[in-house]
Amino acid sequence: MKRMEEDVERILHSEQELKERVRELGKQITEDYKDDEPIVLICILRGSVMFFADLARNMDLRANLEFMTVSSYGNNASTSGLVEIKKDLDCNIEGRNVIIAEDIIDSGYTLSELKKILMTRNPKSLKIVCLLDKPEGRREGVDIKPDYCGFTIENEFVVGYGLDYAQMYRNLPYVGVLKRSVYEK
C-alpha cells in the first residue's frame, strides 16, 4: 500500500513550527480577550479540527467550543462557488464575542459568506483566526482578511494537520505541498 508521504512534494511547515505558532496565536488571543466575557470559539469542520483543538488548549480563556460544517469544495481541488451549511451552531451568539477558527483562507468565498450569515445573528464581535492564509488564491471581489494568522503561504495545494484532498491526508502531522500528479488525475 502506498504511504501518504509519497504524495507530498515537500513539507511547508513542520510539526514543531505548527506547535510554536499555534501557541503564539493562543497567547495573543488570550491577551486580547483577558478582560472580556467568555468567547465562542467556532471550529469549521473538518479541516480546522487539529488547529482548533491545539489553539483551544493554548488559550487561557473561558470559551464555549462550537462546531459548524460548511462546504464549498466537495471532492474538488477548487471551490464550487456554492456554500452549504451542513451543521449549524448549537448556541446563540447574540451579544457574544465570537472567533471563527479556520484551517485555510484560500478563495475566501466560503468564509466571506459564513461571516455574513453569522453577522446577522448580532454577535458583540466576530473575528477570524486561520492557520494558513493564501492571499493569491482570493476570488475577485472577495475582501476577507484574518484577524489572526498562523502563516501566509503561496498559491500551492497543501494538505496535513487537518487539511485534506478528497478527505485524505488530514492526519499528517505537518503541512505539506501535495504533488500535482495526485490532484490533476
N, C-alpha and C. Protein backbone atom coordinates (compact mmCIF):
# COMPACT_ATOMS: atom_id res chain seq x y z
N MET A 1 0.85 -1.19 0.00
CA MET A 1 0.00 0.00 0.00
C MET A 1 0.89 1.25 0.00
N LYS A 2 0.50 2.21 -0.78
CA LYS A 2 1.24 3.46 -0.89
C LYS A 2 1.08 4.29 0.39
N ARG A 3 2.15 4.88 0.86
CA ARG A 3 2.12 5.74 2.06
C ARG A 3 1.78 7.17 1.66
N MET A 4 1.09 7.89 2.58
CA MET A 4 0.69 9.28 2.31
C MET A 4 1.88 10.17 1.97
N GLU A 5 2.97 9.97 2.68
CA GLU A 5 4.14 10.83 2.50
C GLU A 5 4.66 10.82 1.06
N GLU A 6 4.39 9.72 0.33
CA GLU A 6 4.84 9.62 -1.06
C GLU A 6 4.11 10.60 -1.97
N ASP A 7 2.95 11.09 -1.53
CA ASP A 7 2.17 12.04 -2.32
C ASP A 7 2.51 13.50 -1.99
N VAL A 8 3.38 13.71 -1.02
CA VAL A 8 3.76 15.06 -0.60
C VAL A 8 5.06 15.46 -1.27
N GLU A 9 4.99 16.58 -1.97
CA GLU A 9 6.17 17.09 -2.68
C GLU A 9 7.23 17.58 -1.69
N ARG A 10 6.78 18.35 -0.69
CA ARG A 10 7.70 18.86 0.34
C ARG A 10 6.91 19.33 1.55
N ILE A 11 7.58 19.37 2.69
CA ILE A 11 6.97 19.87 3.92
C ILE A 11 7.08 21.38 3.92
N LEU A 12 5.96 22.04 4.09
CA LEU A 12 5.92 23.50 4.12
C LEU A 12 6.11 24.03 5.54
N HIS A 13 5.39 23.43 6.51
CA HIS A 13 5.53 23.79 7.92
C HIS A 13 5.56 22.52 8.74
N SER A 14 6.64 22.35 9.48
CA SER A 14 6.85 21.14 10.27
C SER A 14 5.91 21.09 11.47
N GLU A 15 5.83 19.92 12.07
CA GLU A 15 5.03 19.73 13.27
C GLU A 15 5.46 20.71 14.36
N GLN A 16 6.76 20.89 14.54
CA GLN A 16 7.28 21.81 15.56
C GLN A 16 6.91 23.26 15.24
N GLU A 17 7.04 23.66 13.99
CA GLU A 17 6.67 25.02 13.60
C GLU A 17 5.19 25.28 13.89
N LEU A 18 4.34 24.30 13.59
CA LEU A 18 2.91 24.44 13.84
C LEU A 18 2.64 24.60 15.33
N LYS A 19 3.25 23.76 16.15
CA LYS A 19 3.05 23.84 17.61
C LYS A 19 3.44 25.21 18.15
N GLU A 20 4.59 25.70 17.72
CA GLU A 20 5.08 27.00 18.20
C GLU A 20 4.16 28.14 17.77
N ARG A 21 3.73 28.14 16.52
CA ARG A 21 2.89 29.23 16.02
C ARG A 21 1.50 29.19 16.64
N VAL A 22 0.93 28.01 16.83
CA VAL A 22 -0.38 27.90 17.45
C VAL A 22 -0.30 28.36 18.91
N ARG A 23 0.80 28.03 19.58
CA ARG A 23 0.99 28.51 20.96
C ARG A 23 1.01 30.05 20.99
N GLU A 24 1.71 30.66 20.05
CA GLU A 24 1.77 32.13 19.97
C GLU A 24 0.38 32.73 19.71
N LEU A 25 -0.38 32.11 18.79
CA LEU A 25 -1.74 32.60 18.50
C LEU A 25 -2.62 32.50 19.74
N GLY A 26 -2.52 31.40 20.46
CA GLY A 26 -3.30 31.23 21.68
C GLY A 26 -2.98 32.30 22.72
N LYS A 27 -1.72 32.61 22.87
CA LYS A 27 -1.30 33.66 23.82
C LYS A 27 -1.82 35.02 23.38
N GLN A 28 -1.75 35.30 22.08
CA GLN A 28 -2.22 36.59 21.56
C GLN A 28 -3.73 36.75 21.78
N ILE A 29 -4.49 35.73 21.49
CA ILE A 29 -5.94 35.79 21.67
C ILE A 29 -6.27 35.90 23.15
N THR A 30 -5.56 35.17 23.99
CA THR A 30 -5.76 35.26 25.45
C THR A 30 -5.55 36.69 25.92
N GLU A 31 -4.49 37.31 25.46
CA GLU A 31 -4.19 38.69 25.85
C GLU A 31 -5.29 39.64 25.38
N ASP A 32 -5.75 39.47 24.15
CA ASP A 32 -6.76 40.35 23.58
C ASP A 32 -8.12 40.25 24.27
N TYR A 33 -8.44 39.09 24.85
CA TYR A 33 -9.76 38.88 25.45
C TYR A 33 -9.71 38.66 26.96
N LYS A 34 -8.56 38.90 27.58
CA LYS A 34 -8.39 38.58 29.00
C LYS A 34 -9.35 39.35 29.92
N ASP A 35 -9.76 40.54 29.54
CA ASP A 35 -10.63 41.35 30.39
C ASP A 35 -12.08 41.34 29.92
N ASP A 36 -12.42 40.42 29.04
CA ASP A 36 -13.77 40.41 28.47
C ASP A 36 -14.52 39.16 28.91
N GLU A 37 -15.73 39.04 28.43
CA GLU A 37 -16.58 37.89 28.74
C GLU A 37 -16.06 36.64 28.03
N PRO A 38 -16.60 35.47 28.38
CA PRO A 38 -16.19 34.25 27.67
C PRO A 38 -16.44 34.39 26.17
N ILE A 39 -15.62 33.73 25.40
CA ILE A 39 -15.76 33.77 23.95
C ILE A 39 -16.48 32.53 23.44
N VAL A 40 -16.95 32.62 22.20
CA VAL A 40 -17.44 31.45 21.48
C VAL A 40 -16.41 31.18 20.40
N LEU A 41 -15.73 30.05 20.51
CA LEU A 41 -14.72 29.65 19.53
C LEU A 41 -15.35 28.60 18.62
N ILE A 42 -15.44 28.93 17.33
CA ILE A 42 -16.12 28.06 16.36
C ILE A 42 -15.10 27.33 15.51
N CYS A 43 -15.20 26.02 15.53
CA CYS A 43 -14.38 25.16 14.66
C CYS A 43 -15.15 24.90 13.37
N ILE A 44 -14.52 25.20 12.25
CA ILE A 44 -15.12 24.88 10.96
C ILE A 44 -14.63 23.48 10.58
N LEU A 45 -15.54 22.52 10.71
CA LEU A 45 -15.20 21.11 10.45
C LEU A 45 -15.08 20.86 8.96
N ARG A 46 -14.32 19.95 8.57
CA ARG A 46 -13.45 19.08 9.29
C ARG A 46 -12.03 19.60 9.31
N GLY A 47 -11.69 20.43 8.34
CA GLY A 47 -10.31 20.85 8.17
C GLY A 47 -9.67 21.54 9.35
N SER A 48 -10.45 22.22 10.16
CA SER A 48 -9.89 23.01 11.26
C SER A 48 -9.74 22.25 12.56
N VAL A 49 -10.15 21.01 12.61
CA VAL A 49 -10.24 20.31 13.89
C VAL A 49 -8.89 20.20 14.61
N MET A 50 -7.82 19.91 13.92
CA MET A 50 -6.50 19.80 14.57
C MET A 50 -6.05 21.16 15.10
N PHE A 51 -6.14 22.16 14.23
CA PHE A 51 -5.77 23.53 14.60
C PHE A 51 -6.63 24.03 15.76
N PHE A 52 -7.93 23.82 15.67
CA PHE A 52 -8.89 24.26 16.69
C PHE A 52 -8.55 23.65 18.05
N ALA A 53 -8.33 22.34 18.08
CA ALA A 53 -8.05 21.66 19.35
C ALA A 53 -6.76 22.19 19.97
N ASP A 54 -5.72 22.34 19.17
CA ASP A 54 -4.46 22.85 19.70
C ASP A 54 -4.58 24.31 20.13
N LEU A 55 -5.30 25.11 19.34
CA LEU A 55 -5.50 26.51 19.68
C LEU A 55 -6.27 26.65 20.99
N ALA A 56 -7.36 25.92 21.13
CA ALA A 56 -8.17 26.00 22.36
C ALA A 56 -7.34 25.64 23.59
N ARG A 57 -6.47 24.64 23.46
CA ARG A 57 -5.61 24.24 24.60
C ARG A 57 -4.55 25.28 24.91
N ASN A 58 -4.27 26.16 23.98
CA ASN A 58 -3.26 27.19 24.20
C ASN A 58 -3.85 28.55 24.57
N MET A 59 -5.16 28.60 24.82
CA MET A 59 -5.82 29.83 25.25
C MET A 59 -6.21 29.69 26.72
N ASP A 60 -5.88 30.67 27.50
CA ASP A 60 -6.27 30.67 28.91
C ASP A 60 -7.49 31.57 29.07
N LEU A 61 -8.60 31.14 28.47
CA LEU A 61 -9.85 31.89 28.46
C LEU A 61 -11.01 30.93 28.69
N ARG A 62 -12.07 31.46 29.25
CA ARG A 62 -13.31 30.68 29.29
C ARG A 62 -13.90 30.76 27.89
N ALA A 63 -14.16 29.59 27.33
CA ALA A 63 -14.64 29.56 25.95
C ALA A 63 -15.70 28.49 25.76
N ASN A 64 -16.71 28.85 25.01
CA ASN A 64 -17.71 27.89 24.57
C ASN A 64 -17.21 27.36 23.23
N LEU A 65 -16.95 26.06 23.14
CA LEU A 65 -16.42 25.47 21.92
C LEU A 65 -17.59 24.99 21.07
N GLU A 66 -17.69 25.53 19.88
CA GLU A 66 -18.79 25.23 18.97
C GLU A 66 -18.25 24.69 17.65
N PHE A 67 -19.11 24.02 16.90
CA PHE A 67 -18.71 23.39 15.65
C PHE A 67 -19.71 23.68 14.55
N MET A 68 -19.18 23.93 13.37
CA MET A 68 -20.00 24.09 12.17
C MET A 68 -19.37 23.28 11.05
N THR A 69 -20.20 22.81 10.16
CA THR A 69 -19.71 22.18 8.93
C THR A 69 -20.23 23.03 7.78
N VAL A 70 -19.30 23.59 7.03
CA VAL A 70 -19.61 24.45 5.89
C VAL A 70 -18.79 23.94 4.72
N SER A 71 -19.41 23.84 3.57
CA SER A 71 -18.70 23.26 2.43
C SER A 71 -18.92 24.07 1.16
N SER A 72 -17.84 24.16 0.38
CA SER A 72 -17.96 24.69 -0.98
C SER A 72 -17.01 23.96 -1.91
N TYR A 73 -16.37 22.91 -1.43
CA TYR A 73 -15.38 22.20 -2.24
C TYR A 73 -15.82 20.82 -2.71
N GLY A 74 -16.51 20.07 -1.88
CA GLY A 74 -16.81 18.68 -2.23
C GLY A 74 -15.51 17.91 -2.34
N ASN A 75 -15.32 17.14 -3.39
CA ASN A 75 -14.08 16.39 -3.60
C ASN A 75 -13.20 17.03 -4.66
N ASN A 76 -13.39 18.31 -4.89
CA ASN A 76 -12.62 19.01 -5.91
C ASN A 76 -11.47 19.77 -5.30
N ALA A 77 -10.51 20.14 -6.12
CA ALA A 77 -9.36 20.91 -5.66
C ALA A 77 -9.66 22.40 -5.64
N SER A 78 -10.77 22.83 -6.23
CA SER A 78 -11.14 24.24 -6.21
C SER A 78 -12.60 24.38 -5.80
N THR A 79 -12.94 25.57 -5.30
CA THR A 79 -14.29 25.81 -4.78
C THR A 79 -15.34 25.73 -5.88
N SER A 80 -16.50 25.23 -5.50
CA SER A 80 -17.61 25.14 -6.45
C SER A 80 -18.37 26.47 -6.54
N GLY A 81 -18.15 27.36 -5.54
CA GLY A 81 -18.85 28.64 -5.52
C GLY A 81 -20.17 28.59 -4.78
N LEU A 82 -20.59 27.41 -4.36
CA LEU A 82 -21.83 27.26 -3.61
C LEU A 82 -21.49 26.94 -2.16
N VAL A 83 -22.03 27.72 -1.21
CA VAL A 83 -21.77 27.49 0.20
C VAL A 83 -22.97 26.81 0.83
N GLU A 84 -22.70 25.74 1.52
CA GLU A 84 -23.75 24.97 2.18
C GLU A 84 -23.39 24.77 3.65
N ILE A 85 -24.31 25.16 4.55
CA ILE A 85 -24.12 24.87 5.98
C ILE A 85 -24.72 23.50 6.23
N LYS A 86 -23.86 22.56 6.57
CA LYS A 86 -24.30 21.19 6.81
C LYS A 86 -24.58 20.94 8.29
N LYS A 87 -23.88 21.66 9.16
CA LYS A 87 -24.12 21.58 10.60
C LYS A 87 -23.98 22.98 11.15
N ASP A 88 -25.02 23.47 11.82
CA ASP A 88 -25.04 24.82 12.35
C ASP A 88 -24.65 24.82 13.83
N LEU A 89 -24.48 26.01 14.38
CA LEU A 89 -24.14 26.17 15.80
C LEU A 89 -25.24 25.64 16.70
N ASP A 90 -24.85 25.23 17.90
CA ASP A 90 -25.82 24.78 18.89
C ASP A 90 -26.11 25.86 19.93
N CYS A 91 -25.48 27.03 19.80
CA CYS A 91 -25.70 28.09 20.78
C CYS A 91 -26.07 29.39 20.09
N ASN A 92 -26.63 30.28 20.88
CA ASN A 92 -26.97 31.62 20.42
C ASN A 92 -25.74 32.50 20.59
N ILE A 93 -25.33 33.21 19.54
CA ILE A 93 -24.13 34.05 19.63
C ILE A 93 -24.47 35.54 19.79
N GLU A 94 -25.72 35.86 19.91
CA GLU A 94 -26.10 37.27 20.04
C GLU A 94 -25.44 37.89 21.27
N GLY A 95 -24.77 39.04 21.05
CA GLY A 95 -24.12 39.77 22.13
C GLY A 95 -22.85 39.13 22.65
N ARG A 96 -22.33 38.15 21.95
CA ARG A 96 -21.13 37.43 22.43
C ARG A 96 -19.94 37.68 21.51
N ASN A 97 -18.74 37.56 22.08
CA ASN A 97 -17.51 37.63 21.30
C ASN A 97 -17.30 36.28 20.62
N VAL A 98 -17.20 36.31 19.31
CA VAL A 98 -17.10 35.08 18.52
C VAL A 98 -15.79 35.10 17.73
N ILE A 99 -15.12 33.95 17.73
CA ILE A 99 -13.92 33.77 16.91
C ILE A 99 -14.12 32.52 16.07
N ILE A 100 -14.00 32.69 14.76
CA ILE A 100 -14.06 31.56 13.84
C ILE A 100 -12.65 31.04 13.65
N ALA A 101 -12.44 29.74 13.90
CA ALA A 101 -11.14 29.11 13.66
C ALA A 101 -11.22 28.35 12.34
N GLU A 102 -10.43 28.77 11.39
CA GLU A 102 -10.44 28.20 10.04
C GLU A 102 -9.06 27.66 9.71
N ASP A 103 -9.01 26.56 8.98
CA ASP A 103 -7.72 25.98 8.62
C ASP A 103 -6.99 26.83 7.59
N ILE A 104 -7.69 27.23 6.53
CA ILE A 104 -7.05 27.99 5.45
C ILE A 104 -8.05 28.95 4.81
N ILE A 105 -7.58 30.13 4.51
CA ILE A 105 -8.37 31.06 3.71
C ILE A 105 -7.73 31.07 2.33
N ASP A 106 -8.48 30.56 1.37
CA ASP A 106 -7.98 30.44 0.00
C ASP A 106 -8.76 31.41 -0.88
N SER A 107 -9.81 30.95 -1.54
CA SER A 107 -10.62 31.84 -2.38
C SER A 107 -11.28 32.90 -1.50
N GLY A 108 -11.53 32.56 -0.23
CA GLY A 108 -12.18 33.48 0.70
C GLY A 108 -13.69 33.46 0.60
N TYR A 109 -14.20 32.82 -0.43
CA TYR A 109 -15.63 32.84 -0.68
C TYR A 109 -16.44 32.20 0.46
N THR A 110 -16.06 30.99 0.86
CA THR A 110 -16.80 30.28 1.90
C THR A 110 -16.82 31.07 3.19
N LEU A 111 -15.66 31.53 3.63
CA LEU A 111 -15.57 32.27 4.89
C LEU A 111 -16.29 33.61 4.81
N SER A 112 -16.21 34.27 3.67
CA SER A 112 -16.91 35.54 3.48
C SER A 112 -18.42 35.35 3.63
N GLU A 113 -18.94 34.31 3.01
CA GLU A 113 -20.38 34.02 3.10
C GLU A 113 -20.76 33.62 4.53
N LEU A 114 -19.93 32.82 5.18
CA LEU A 114 -20.21 32.41 6.56
C LEU A 114 -20.20 33.62 7.49
N LYS A 115 -19.26 34.52 7.29
CA LYS A 115 -19.20 35.71 8.13
C LYS A 115 -20.48 36.54 7.99
N LYS A 116 -20.97 36.70 6.76
CA LYS A 116 -22.22 37.43 6.54
C LYS A 116 -23.38 36.78 7.30
N ILE A 117 -23.45 35.47 7.23
CA ILE A 117 -24.51 34.73 7.93
C ILE A 117 -24.42 34.94 9.43
N LEU A 118 -23.22 34.80 9.99
CA LEU A 118 -23.06 34.94 11.44
C LEU A 118 -23.30 36.37 11.91
N MET A 119 -22.97 37.35 11.10
CA MET A 119 -23.20 38.75 11.48
C MET A 119 -24.69 39.05 11.62
N THR A 120 -25.54 38.34 10.90
CA THR A 120 -26.99 38.55 11.03
C THR A 120 -27.50 38.07 12.39
N ARG A 121 -26.67 37.34 13.11
CA ARG A 121 -27.04 36.82 14.44
C ARG A 121 -26.59 37.74 15.56
N ASN A 122 -26.08 38.92 15.20
CA ASN A 122 -25.75 40.01 16.13
C ASN A 122 -24.75 39.67 17.23
N PRO A 123 -23.58 39.14 16.87
CA PRO A 123 -22.56 38.94 17.89
C PRO A 123 -22.00 40.28 18.36
N LYS A 124 -21.44 40.30 19.55
CA LYS A 124 -20.77 41.52 20.05
C LYS A 124 -19.57 41.83 19.16
N SER A 125 -18.81 40.80 18.83
CA SER A 125 -17.69 40.93 17.90
C SER A 125 -17.54 39.61 17.16
N LEU A 126 -16.93 39.68 15.98
CA LEU A 126 -16.69 38.48 15.19
C LEU A 126 -15.32 38.61 14.55
N LYS A 127 -14.42 37.71 14.94
CA LYS A 127 -13.06 37.72 14.40
C LYS A 127 -12.75 36.37 13.80
N ILE A 128 -11.70 36.36 13.00
CA ILE A 128 -11.28 35.15 12.31
C ILE A 128 -9.83 34.85 12.66
N VAL A 129 -9.57 33.61 13.04
CA VAL A 129 -8.21 33.13 13.20
C VAL A 129 -8.04 31.98 12.21
N CYS A 130 -6.98 32.06 11.42
CA CYS A 130 -6.72 30.98 10.47
C CYS A 130 -5.30 30.48 10.64
N LEU A 131 -5.12 29.22 10.36
CA LEU A 131 -3.78 28.65 10.38
C LEU A 131 -2.98 29.15 9.19
N LEU A 132 -3.62 29.09 8.01
CA LEU A 132 -2.95 29.47 6.77
C LEU A 132 -3.77 30.49 5.99
N ASP A 133 -3.10 31.48 5.46
CA ASP A 133 -3.74 32.47 4.60
C ASP A 133 -3.05 32.42 3.25
N LYS A 134 -3.85 32.27 2.20
CA LYS A 134 -3.33 32.20 0.83
C LYS A 134 -3.92 33.34 0.03
N PRO A 135 -3.40 34.58 0.22
CA PRO A 135 -3.98 35.75 -0.45
C PRO A 135 -4.04 35.65 -1.97
N GLU A 136 -3.08 34.98 -2.59
CA GLU A 136 -3.06 34.85 -4.05
C GLU A 136 -4.25 34.04 -4.57
N GLY A 137 -4.87 33.26 -3.68
CA GLY A 137 -5.99 32.44 -4.08
C GLY A 137 -7.33 33.14 -4.00
N ARG A 138 -7.36 34.38 -3.49
CA ARG A 138 -8.63 35.09 -3.30
C ARG A 138 -9.37 35.25 -4.61
N ARG A 139 -10.65 35.00 -4.52
CA ARG A 139 -11.53 35.20 -5.66
C ARG A 139 -11.73 36.70 -5.84
N GLU A 140 -11.80 37.16 -7.06
CA GLU A 140 -12.01 38.57 -7.34
C GLU A 140 -13.30 39.04 -6.67
N GLY A 141 -13.21 40.19 -6.01
CA GLY A 141 -14.37 40.76 -5.34
C GLY A 141 -14.57 40.27 -3.91
N VAL A 142 -13.77 39.30 -3.46
CA VAL A 142 -13.88 38.79 -2.09
C VAL A 142 -12.84 39.51 -1.24
N ASP A 143 -13.33 40.28 -0.28
CA ASP A 143 -12.44 41.06 0.58
C ASP A 143 -12.54 40.50 2.00
N ILE A 144 -11.69 39.54 2.31
CA ILE A 144 -11.69 38.97 3.64
C ILE A 144 -10.24 38.77 4.08
N LYS A 145 -9.98 39.16 5.32
CA LYS A 145 -8.65 39.04 5.89
C LYS A 145 -8.80 38.50 7.30
N PRO A 146 -7.86 37.64 7.72
CA PRO A 146 -7.94 37.12 9.08
C PRO A 146 -7.50 38.18 10.09
N ASP A 147 -8.08 38.11 11.28
CA ASP A 147 -7.64 38.97 12.38
C ASP A 147 -6.39 38.40 13.03
N TYR A 148 -6.27 37.08 12.96
CA TYR A 148 -5.10 36.37 13.49
C TYR A 148 -4.71 35.34 12.43
N CYS A 149 -3.42 35.23 12.14
CA CYS A 149 -2.98 34.32 11.08
C CYS A 149 -1.72 33.58 11.52
N GLY A 150 -1.73 32.27 11.29
CA GLY A 150 -0.55 31.48 11.59
C GLY A 150 0.56 31.73 10.58
N PHE A 151 0.28 31.45 9.33
CA PHE A 151 1.27 31.59 8.26
C PHE A 151 0.59 32.07 6.98
N THR A 152 1.28 32.91 6.23
CA THR A 152 0.85 33.28 4.89
C THR A 152 1.62 32.39 3.94
N ILE A 153 0.89 31.78 2.99
CA ILE A 153 1.54 30.84 2.07
C ILE A 153 1.31 31.24 0.63
N GLU A 154 2.13 30.66 -0.24
CA GLU A 154 2.00 30.86 -1.68
C GLU A 154 0.78 30.07 -2.19
N ASN A 155 0.46 30.25 -3.44
CA ASN A 155 -0.70 29.61 -4.05
C ASN A 155 -0.37 28.17 -4.44
N GLU A 156 -0.27 27.29 -3.43
CA GLU A 156 0.02 25.88 -3.62
C GLU A 156 -1.07 25.06 -2.95
N PHE A 157 -1.23 23.81 -3.38
CA PHE A 157 -2.24 22.94 -2.80
C PHE A 157 -1.60 22.21 -1.61
N VAL A 158 -2.09 22.51 -0.41
CA VAL A 158 -1.48 21.96 0.81
C VAL A 158 -2.41 20.99 1.52
N VAL A 159 -1.80 20.05 2.21
CA VAL A 159 -2.53 19.04 2.98
C VAL A 159 -1.81 18.82 4.30
N GLY A 160 -2.52 18.15 5.22
CA GLY A 160 -1.94 17.80 6.51
C GLY A 160 -2.45 18.71 7.61
N TYR A 161 -2.30 18.26 8.86
CA TYR A 161 -2.74 19.00 10.04
C TYR A 161 -4.20 19.45 9.88
N GLY A 162 -5.01 18.53 9.35
CA GLY A 162 -6.44 18.79 9.16
C GLY A 162 -6.83 19.11 7.73
N LEU A 163 -5.93 19.64 6.95
CA LEU A 163 -6.21 19.98 5.56
C LEU A 163 -6.22 18.72 4.71
N ASP A 164 -7.17 18.67 3.76
CA ASP A 164 -7.33 17.44 3.00
C ASP A 164 -7.35 17.66 1.50
N TYR A 165 -7.27 16.54 0.81
CA TYR A 165 -7.66 16.44 -0.58
C TYR A 165 -8.52 15.19 -0.66
N ALA A 166 -9.78 15.35 -1.09
CA ALA A 166 -10.75 14.25 -1.20
C ALA A 166 -10.83 13.48 0.12
N GLN A 167 -10.85 14.20 1.23
CA GLN A 167 -10.99 13.66 2.59
C GLN A 167 -9.78 12.85 3.06
N MET A 168 -8.66 12.97 2.39
CA MET A 168 -7.45 12.23 2.75
C MET A 168 -6.35 13.21 3.18
N TYR A 169 -5.34 12.70 3.87
CA TYR A 169 -4.13 13.41 4.28
C TYR A 169 -4.31 14.28 5.51
N ARG A 170 -5.51 14.36 6.09
CA ARG A 170 -5.75 15.21 7.26
C ARG A 170 -4.84 14.83 8.43
N ASN A 171 -4.49 13.56 8.54
CA ASN A 171 -3.76 13.09 9.71
C ASN A 171 -2.25 13.23 9.60
N LEU A 172 -1.75 13.85 8.55
CA LEU A 172 -0.32 14.16 8.52
C LEU A 172 -0.02 15.18 9.62
N PRO A 173 1.08 15.03 10.36
CA PRO A 173 1.36 15.93 11.48
C PRO A 173 1.96 17.27 11.07
N TYR A 174 2.16 17.48 9.81
CA TYR A 174 2.74 18.71 9.27
C TYR A 174 1.86 19.22 8.14
N VAL A 175 2.18 20.40 7.61
CA VAL A 175 1.52 20.91 6.40
C VAL A 175 2.50 20.73 5.26
N GLY A 176 2.04 20.01 4.23
CA GLY A 176 2.90 19.75 3.09
C GLY A 176 2.22 20.13 1.79
N VAL A 177 3.02 20.32 0.77
CA VAL A 177 2.52 20.62 -0.58
C VAL A 177 2.25 19.29 -1.27
N LEU A 178 1.02 19.13 -1.75
CA LEU A 178 0.62 17.91 -2.44
C LEU A 178 1.16 17.91 -3.87
N LYS A 179 1.66 16.77 -4.29
CA LYS A 179 2.17 16.66 -5.66
C LYS A 179 1.01 16.89 -6.65
N ARG A 180 1.27 17.64 -7.69
CA ARG A 180 0.25 17.92 -8.71
C ARG A 180 -0.32 16.64 -9.32
N SER A 181 0.51 15.64 -9.47
CA SER A 181 0.06 14.38 -10.08
C SER A 181 -1.06 13.72 -9.29
N VAL A 182 -1.20 14.06 -8.01
CA VAL A 182 -2.23 13.46 -7.18
C VAL A 182 -3.60 14.08 -7.47
N TYR A 183 -3.65 15.41 -7.60
CA TYR A 183 -4.95 16.08 -7.77
C TYR A 183 -5.26 16.48 -9.21
N GLU A 184 -4.35 16.25 -10.12
CA GLU A 184 -4.63 16.56 -11.52
C GLU A 184 -4.86 15.29 -12.34
N LYS A 185 -5.28 14.23 -11.66
CA LYS A 185 -5.56 12.96 -12.35
C LYS A 185 -6.79 13.09 -13.22
